[in-house]
Amino acid sequence: MIDRKTPYLNAGFSNVLLVRPMFLAMFNHVAPTAWIGFALAIAFGLWWLLTPLSVLRFYSRLAKRDLTAAKPLAVRLVGFCWIVMLVAVFW
C-alpha cells in the first residue's frame, strides 16, 4: 500500500513504478528566485565556456595588465567546472 502523503514506498517491489522519483519532489520546494539565480550563475559559466577570449579581454581591462599567459583552454575548463559544480550543488 502506498501512503499518498509522501513519495516513499511503504511496502513491496510492485509499487515502485507508482511512486514519483525524489528529484521530482525537489522541484516543488524550490523558490522561483532560486531558479533565476541558478540561471544567472549558469550563464556566467557558459560565458567562460563559450567565449574564453572575451573573458580574458574583460579581466585584462580590470587588472590593467596583459593576461596573455592565460590560455583559452584553461578558461574553458574553469567554465566547465563551474557549471558542473553548480548543477551538483543545486540538484
N, C-alpha and C. Protein backbone atom coordinates (compact mmCIF):
# COMPACT_ATOMS: atom_id res chain seq x y z
N MET A 1 0.83 -1.18 0.00
CA MET A 1 0.00 0.00 0.00
C MET A 1 0.88 1.24 0.00
N ILE A 2 0.48 2.25 -0.72
CA ILE A 2 1.25 3.48 -0.83
C ILE A 2 0.60 4.56 0.00
N ASP A 3 1.42 5.22 0.80
CA ASP A 3 0.95 6.37 1.55
C ASP A 3 1.01 7.57 0.61
N ARG A 4 -0.10 8.19 0.29
CA ARG A 4 -0.15 9.27 -0.69
C ARG A 4 0.47 10.57 -0.18
N LYS A 5 0.80 10.67 1.10
CA LYS A 5 1.35 11.90 1.64
C LYS A 5 2.85 12.04 1.38
N THR A 6 3.52 10.95 1.13
CA THR A 6 4.96 11.00 0.90
C THR A 6 5.28 10.26 -0.40
N PRO A 7 6.39 10.64 -1.03
CA PRO A 7 6.77 9.95 -2.27
C PRO A 7 7.54 8.66 -2.01
N TYR A 8 7.59 8.18 -0.79
CA TYR A 8 8.34 6.97 -0.47
C TYR A 8 7.46 5.73 -0.57
N LEU A 9 8.10 4.60 -0.73
CA LEU A 9 7.39 3.33 -0.72
C LEU A 9 7.15 2.87 0.71
N ASN A 10 6.00 2.29 0.95
CA ASN A 10 5.74 1.69 2.26
C ASN A 10 5.94 0.20 2.23
N ALA A 11 5.68 -0.44 1.11
CA ALA A 11 5.84 -1.90 1.07
C ALA A 11 5.90 -2.36 -0.37
N GLY A 12 6.63 -3.44 -0.58
CA GLY A 12 6.58 -4.18 -1.83
C GLY A 12 7.29 -3.57 -3.01
N PHE A 13 7.88 -4.44 -3.82
CA PHE A 13 8.57 -4.01 -5.04
C PHE A 13 7.57 -3.66 -6.13
N SER A 14 6.36 -4.19 -6.08
CA SER A 14 5.39 -3.95 -7.15
C SER A 14 4.91 -2.50 -7.19
N ASN A 15 5.14 -1.75 -6.13
CA ASN A 15 4.68 -0.36 -6.08
C ASN A 15 5.74 0.63 -6.56
N VAL A 16 6.89 0.15 -7.01
CA VAL A 16 7.98 1.04 -7.38
C VAL A 16 7.57 1.99 -8.49
N LEU A 17 6.87 1.53 -9.47
CA LEU A 17 6.51 2.37 -10.61
C LEU A 17 5.44 3.41 -10.27
N LEU A 18 4.75 3.25 -9.17
CA LEU A 18 3.71 4.19 -8.80
C LEU A 18 4.21 5.38 -7.99
N VAL A 19 5.43 5.31 -7.53
CA VAL A 19 5.99 6.36 -6.68
C VAL A 19 6.78 7.32 -7.54
N ARG A 20 6.55 8.62 -7.36
CA ARG A 20 7.31 9.58 -8.15
C ARG A 20 8.72 9.70 -7.58
N PRO A 21 9.69 9.90 -8.45
CA PRO A 21 11.08 9.94 -8.00
C PRO A 21 11.34 11.12 -7.06
N MET A 22 12.36 10.97 -6.24
CA MET A 22 12.69 12.00 -5.25
C MET A 22 13.09 13.32 -5.92
N PHE A 23 13.80 13.26 -7.04
CA PHE A 23 14.25 14.52 -7.65
C PHE A 23 13.09 15.33 -8.19
N LEU A 24 11.97 14.70 -8.57
CA LEU A 24 10.80 15.47 -8.99
C LEU A 24 10.13 16.15 -7.81
N ALA A 25 10.16 15.52 -6.66
CA ALA A 25 9.58 16.13 -5.46
C ALA A 25 10.38 17.36 -5.06
N MET A 26 11.68 17.37 -5.37
CA MET A 26 12.52 18.51 -5.01
C MET A 26 12.08 19.78 -5.72
N PHE A 27 11.62 19.68 -6.96
CA PHE A 27 11.27 20.86 -7.73
C PHE A 27 10.05 21.58 -7.18
N ASN A 28 9.23 20.92 -6.39
CA ASN A 28 8.08 21.57 -5.80
C ASN A 28 8.47 22.53 -4.68
N HIS A 29 9.69 22.40 -4.15
CA HIS A 29 10.10 23.18 -3.00
C HIS A 29 11.14 24.24 -3.32
N VAL A 30 11.46 24.44 -4.59
CA VAL A 30 12.46 25.42 -4.98
C VAL A 30 11.76 26.72 -5.34
N ALA A 31 12.20 27.82 -4.71
CA ALA A 31 11.60 29.13 -4.97
C ALA A 31 11.96 29.62 -6.37
N PRO A 32 11.08 30.39 -6.98
CA PRO A 32 11.38 30.92 -8.32
C PRO A 32 12.64 31.77 -8.35
N THR A 33 12.93 32.50 -7.27
CA THR A 33 14.15 33.30 -7.25
C THR A 33 15.39 32.42 -7.26
N ALA A 34 15.30 31.23 -6.71
CA ALA A 34 16.43 30.31 -6.75
C ALA A 34 16.70 29.86 -8.19
N TRP A 35 15.64 29.66 -8.96
CA TRP A 35 15.81 29.30 -10.37
C TRP A 35 16.46 30.44 -11.15
N ILE A 36 16.08 31.68 -10.83
CA ILE A 36 16.68 32.84 -11.52
C ILE A 36 18.16 32.93 -11.18
N GLY A 37 18.49 32.76 -9.92
CA GLY A 37 19.90 32.78 -9.51
C GLY A 37 20.69 31.67 -10.16
N PHE A 38 20.09 30.49 -10.23
CA PHE A 38 20.75 29.35 -10.88
C PHE A 38 20.98 29.65 -12.36
N ALA A 39 20.00 30.22 -13.03
CA ALA A 39 20.14 30.54 -14.45
C ALA A 39 21.23 31.60 -14.67
N LEU A 40 21.31 32.60 -13.81
CA LEU A 40 22.35 33.62 -13.95
C LEU A 40 23.74 33.04 -13.71
N ALA A 41 23.86 32.17 -12.72
CA ALA A 41 25.15 31.54 -12.44
C ALA A 41 25.57 30.62 -13.59
N ILE A 42 24.61 29.90 -14.16
CA ILE A 42 24.91 29.04 -15.32
C ILE A 42 25.32 29.91 -16.51
N ALA A 43 24.66 31.05 -16.70
CA ALA A 43 25.02 31.95 -17.80
C ALA A 43 26.45 32.45 -17.64
N PHE A 44 26.86 32.73 -16.40
CA PHE A 44 28.24 33.15 -16.14
C PHE A 44 29.22 32.04 -16.55
N GLY A 45 28.91 30.81 -16.19
CA GLY A 45 29.76 29.69 -16.57
C GLY A 45 29.77 29.46 -18.07
N LEU A 46 28.63 29.64 -18.71
CA LEU A 46 28.57 29.49 -20.18
C LEU A 46 29.39 30.57 -20.87
N TRP A 47 29.41 31.77 -20.31
CA TRP A 47 30.24 32.84 -20.87
C TRP A 47 31.70 32.40 -20.86
N TRP A 48 32.15 31.84 -19.74
CA TRP A 48 33.53 31.36 -19.64
C TRP A 48 33.77 30.19 -20.58
N LEU A 49 32.79 29.32 -20.72
CA LEU A 49 32.96 28.12 -21.54
C LEU A 49 32.95 28.43 -23.03
N LEU A 50 32.06 29.31 -23.47
CA LEU A 50 31.85 29.53 -24.90
C LEU A 50 32.71 30.65 -25.49
N THR A 51 33.04 31.68 -24.70
CA THR A 51 33.82 32.80 -25.22
C THR A 51 34.99 33.12 -24.30
N PRO A 52 36.00 32.27 -24.27
CA PRO A 52 37.11 32.50 -23.34
C PRO A 52 37.94 33.75 -23.66
N LEU A 53 38.05 34.11 -24.93
CA LEU A 53 38.83 35.30 -25.27
C LEU A 53 38.14 36.57 -24.78
N SER A 54 36.82 36.59 -24.81
CA SER A 54 36.08 37.71 -24.26
C SER A 54 36.30 37.84 -22.76
N VAL A 55 36.36 36.71 -22.08
CA VAL A 55 36.62 36.71 -20.63
C VAL A 55 38.02 37.25 -20.36
N LEU A 56 38.99 36.81 -21.12
CA LEU A 56 40.36 37.28 -20.93
C LEU A 56 40.49 38.78 -21.20
N ARG A 57 39.81 39.27 -22.24
CA ARG A 57 39.84 40.72 -22.53
C ARG A 57 39.20 41.51 -21.38
N PHE A 58 38.07 41.03 -20.88
CA PHE A 58 37.37 41.72 -19.81
C PHE A 58 38.24 41.80 -18.55
N TYR A 59 38.83 40.68 -18.15
CA TYR A 59 39.63 40.68 -16.93
C TYR A 59 40.97 41.37 -17.12
N SER A 60 41.50 41.45 -18.34
CA SER A 60 42.74 42.21 -18.56
C SER A 60 42.47 43.70 -18.42
N ARG A 61 41.26 44.15 -18.76
CA ARG A 61 40.90 45.55 -18.53
C ARG A 61 40.75 45.85 -17.04
N LEU A 62 40.19 44.90 -16.30
CA LEU A 62 40.04 45.11 -14.85
C LEU A 62 41.39 45.12 -14.14
N ALA A 63 42.28 44.25 -14.56
CA ALA A 63 43.58 44.12 -13.90
C ALA A 63 44.58 45.16 -14.43
N LYS A 64 44.24 45.82 -15.53
CA LYS A 64 45.11 46.81 -16.18
C LYS A 64 46.47 46.24 -16.53
N ARG A 65 46.45 44.99 -16.92
CA ARG A 65 47.68 44.35 -17.40
C ARG A 65 47.28 43.28 -18.41
N ASP A 66 48.26 42.83 -19.15
CA ASP A 66 48.01 41.84 -20.19
C ASP A 66 47.96 40.44 -19.57
N LEU A 67 46.90 39.71 -19.85
CA LEU A 67 46.74 38.36 -19.34
C LEU A 67 47.00 37.34 -20.45
N THR A 68 48.07 37.54 -21.19
CA THR A 68 48.37 36.63 -22.29
C THR A 68 48.85 35.27 -21.80
N ALA A 69 49.28 35.19 -20.54
CA ALA A 69 49.74 33.91 -20.01
C ALA A 69 48.59 32.92 -19.86
N ALA A 70 47.39 33.43 -19.66
CA ALA A 70 46.23 32.56 -19.50
C ALA A 70 45.83 32.00 -20.87
N LYS A 71 45.57 30.73 -20.89
CA LYS A 71 45.18 30.07 -22.13
C LYS A 71 43.66 29.95 -22.21
N PRO A 72 43.09 30.08 -23.40
CA PRO A 72 41.64 29.92 -23.55
C PRO A 72 41.15 28.54 -23.10
N LEU A 73 41.98 27.52 -23.27
CA LEU A 73 41.58 26.19 -22.84
C LEU A 73 41.40 26.13 -21.32
N ALA A 74 42.27 26.83 -20.59
CA ALA A 74 42.15 26.88 -19.13
C ALA A 74 40.88 27.61 -18.72
N VAL A 75 40.54 28.67 -19.44
CA VAL A 75 39.31 29.41 -19.13
C VAL A 75 38.09 28.53 -19.41
N ARG A 76 38.12 27.79 -20.50
CA ARG A 76 37.02 26.87 -20.82
C ARG A 76 36.88 25.79 -19.74
N LEU A 77 38.00 25.29 -19.28
CA LEU A 77 37.97 24.26 -18.24
C LEU A 77 37.37 24.80 -16.95
N VAL A 78 37.72 26.02 -16.58
CA VAL A 78 37.15 26.64 -15.39
C VAL A 78 35.64 26.84 -15.57
N GLY A 79 35.22 27.27 -16.74
CA GLY A 79 33.79 27.44 -17.01
C GLY A 79 33.04 26.12 -16.92
N PHE A 80 33.63 25.06 -17.46
CA PHE A 80 33.00 23.75 -17.39
C PHE A 80 32.91 23.26 -15.94
N CYS A 81 33.98 23.44 -15.19
CA CYS A 81 33.96 23.03 -13.78
C CYS A 81 32.95 23.84 -12.98
N TRP A 82 32.81 25.11 -13.30
CA TRP A 82 31.82 25.96 -12.64
C TRP A 82 30.40 25.43 -12.87
N ILE A 83 30.09 25.07 -14.09
CA ILE A 83 28.75 24.56 -14.41
C ILE A 83 28.51 23.23 -13.73
N VAL A 84 29.50 22.35 -13.75
CA VAL A 84 29.35 21.04 -13.10
C VAL A 84 29.13 21.22 -11.60
N MET A 85 29.87 22.13 -10.98
CA MET A 85 29.72 22.38 -9.54
C MET A 85 28.32 22.93 -9.23
N LEU A 86 27.84 23.86 -10.04
CA LEU A 86 26.51 24.42 -9.80
C LEU A 86 25.41 23.37 -9.92
N VAL A 87 25.51 22.56 -10.95
CA VAL A 87 24.49 21.51 -11.14
C VAL A 87 24.54 20.52 -9.99
N ALA A 88 25.73 20.16 -9.54
CA ALA A 88 25.85 19.21 -8.42
C ALA A 88 25.29 19.80 -7.14
N VAL A 89 25.53 21.06 -6.89
CA VAL A 89 25.04 21.69 -5.66
C VAL A 89 23.54 21.93 -5.73
N PHE A 90 23.07 22.40 -6.87
CA PHE A 90 21.65 22.75 -6.98
C PHE A 90 20.76 21.52 -7.07
N TRP A 91 21.27 20.46 -7.69
CA TRP A 91 20.46 19.25 -7.87
C TRP A 91 20.24 18.60 -6.55
